[in-house]
């Protein structure tokens, strides 16, 4: 077993400070001693619509250079919507995430079937 970090930690959501881009995140994860990285498939890390073919190649190269594998791509998907077009959009998004996982040589694409999140708590 290896211990890794989930990139959502450095998306700039749960702390005060700037979000890290995926390349800075990988370098920081290596400095901190993690053995792998699970990439959150949203901005600013691994939104499949943002990562060009060159970005994906650069990311693969960086994982080799750092000897730090990408252990999974994790789309934040939710297939529980009663609205068919929303479910179809999620299917399209997950397909793009699966292709991203293949391109960056991540062995897994972790799927969240439903978010269970009802919005902000007042």
Protein backbone atom coordinates (compact mmCIF):
# COMPACT_ATOMS: atom_id res chain seq x y z
CA UNK A 1 0.00 0.00 0.00
CA UNK A 2 1.10 3.52 -0.76
CA UNK A 3 -0.10 6.73 0.81
CA UNK A 4 -1.09 9.56 -1.50
CA UNK A 5 -2.84 12.89 -1.48
CA UNK A 6 -6.13 13.88 -3.07
CA UNK A 7 -5.53 17.09 -5.00
CA UNK A 8 -8.80 18.64 -3.82
CA UNK A 9 -6.77 19.59 -0.74
CA UNK A 10 -5.02 22.30 -2.78
CA UNK A 11 -7.89 23.54 -4.97
CA UNK A 12 -8.26 26.66 -2.84
CA UNK A 13 -11.67 25.65 -1.51
CA UNK A 14 -11.11 24.80 2.17
CA UNK A 15 -8.36 27.19 3.14
CA UNK A 16 -7.38 30.80 2.64
CA UNK A 17 -4.85 31.12 -0.10
CA UNK A 18 -4.31 30.60 -3.76
CA UNK A 19 -5.18 27.36 -5.47
CA UNK A 20 -2.26 25.48 -6.97
CA UNK A 21 -2.11 24.49 -10.60
CA UNK A 22 -1.64 20.78 -11.28
CA UNK A 23 2.08 21.05 -12.02
CA UNK A 24 2.82 23.00 -8.82
CA UNK A 25 0.66 20.55 -6.92
CA UNK A 26 2.68 17.58 -8.18
CA UNK A 27 5.95 19.22 -7.11
CA UNK A 28 4.55 20.08 -3.67
CA UNK A 29 3.22 16.54 -3.20
CA UNK A 30 6.69 15.17 -3.92
CA UNK A 31 8.29 17.66 -1.48
CA UNK A 32 5.80 16.64 1.20
CA UNK A 33 6.70 12.97 0.76
CA UNK A 34 3.47 11.59 -0.75
CA UNK A 35 3.76 8.38 -2.77
CA UNK A 36 0.99 9.17 -5.25
CA UNK A 37 -1.57 11.78 -6.24
CA UNK A 38 -5.28 11.42 -6.89
CA UNK A 39 -6.31 14.26 -9.18
CA UNK A 40 -9.62 15.99 -8.70
CA UNK A 41 -11.11 16.39 -12.19
CA UNK A 42 -12.10 20.02 -11.72
CA UNK A 43 -10.38 23.34 -12.12
CA UNK A 44 -7.63 24.19 -11.46
CA UNK A 45 -6.24 20.65 -11.41
CA UNK A 46 -7.50 18.14 -13.91
CA UNK A 47 -10.60 19.42 -15.66
CA UNK A 48 -10.39 17.39 -18.86
CA UNK A 49 -11.56 20.33 -20.98
CA UNK A 50 -8.62 22.42 -19.74
CA UNK A 51 -5.75 19.98 -20.25
CA UNK A 52 -4.49 20.00 -23.84
CA UNK A 53 -2.60 17.10 -25.39
CA UNK A 54 0.62 18.97 -24.60
CA UNK A 55 -0.45 19.49 -20.97
CA UNK A 56 -1.21 15.79 -20.63
CA UNK A 57 2.16 14.87 -22.11
CA UNK A 58 3.88 17.36 -19.79
CA UNK A 59 2.02 15.88 -16.81
CA UNK A 60 3.07 12.33 -17.77
CA UNK A 61 6.65 13.54 -18.04
CA UNK A 62 6.48 15.23 -14.67
CA UNK A 63 5.17 12.09 -12.97
CA UNK A 64 8.17 10.21 -14.36
CA UNK A 65 10.62 12.95 -13.44
CA UNK A 66 9.30 13.13 -9.88
CA UNK A 67 8.71 9.38 -9.61
CA UNK A 68 5.27 10.29 -8.33
CA UNK A 69 2.42 8.41 -10.01
CA UNK A 70 -1.07 9.70 -10.55
CA UNK A 71 -3.03 6.99 -8.76
CA UNK A 72 -6.50 8.07 -9.93
CA UNK A 73 -8.57 10.68 -11.69
CA UNK A 74 -11.68 11.57 -9.69
CA UNK A 75 -14.58 13.22 -11.49
CA UNK A 76 -16.97 14.98 -9.17
CA UNK A 77 -19.99 13.48 -10.83
CA UNK A 78 -23.56 12.91 -9.74
CA UNK A 79 -25.81 10.55 -11.66
CA UNK A 80 -28.74 11.01 -9.29
CA UNK A 81 -30.37 14.01 -10.97
CA UNK A 82 -33.99 13.44 -12.01
CA UNK A 83 -33.25 15.61 -15.07
CA UNK A 84 -32.14 13.39 -17.99
CA UNK A 85 -29.98 16.04 -19.66
CA UNK A 86 -28.01 16.52 -16.42
CA UNK A 87 -27.35 12.78 -16.18
CA UNK A 88 -26.28 12.75 -19.84
CA UNK A 89 -23.89 15.63 -19.18
CA UNK A 90 -22.36 13.66 -16.30
CA UNK A 91 -21.89 10.63 -18.56
CA UNK A 92 -20.08 12.81 -21.11
CA UNK A 93 -17.90 14.33 -18.39
CA UNK A 94 -16.98 10.92 -16.97
CA UNK A 95 -16.05 9.65 -20.43
CA UNK A 96 -13.68 12.59 -20.82
CA UNK A 97 -12.23 11.82 -17.38
CA UNK A 98 -11.66 8.18 -18.34
CA UNK A 99 -9.75 9.33 -21.43
CA UNK A 100 -7.76 11.74 -19.26
CA UNK A 101 -6.87 8.89 -16.90
CA UNK A 102 -5.62 6.89 -19.88
CA UNK A 103 -3.59 9.83 -21.21
CA UNK A 104 -1.82 10.48 -17.89
CA UNK A 105 -1.40 6.75 -17.19
CA UNK A 106 -3.59 6.76 -14.09
CA UNK A 107 -4.86 3.22 -13.46
CA UNK A 108 -8.21 4.32 -11.99
CA UNK A 109 -11.04 6.71 -12.63
CA UNK A 110 -12.96 6.88 -9.36
CA UNK A 111 -16.67 7.48 -9.85
CA UNK A 112 -19.03 9.14 -7.39
CA UNK A 113 -22.50 7.81 -8.25
CA UNK A 114 -24.30 10.53 -6.30
CA UNK A 115 -23.01 13.52 -4.40
CA UNK A 116 -25.26 13.40 -1.36
CA UNK A 117 -24.60 17.13 -1.13
CA UNK A 118 -27.67 19.33 -0.71
CA UNK A 119 -25.96 22.69 -0.93
CA UNK A 120 -24.54 25.10 1.57
CA UNK A 121 -25.45 24.88 5.23
CA UNK A 122 -26.56 28.16 6.74
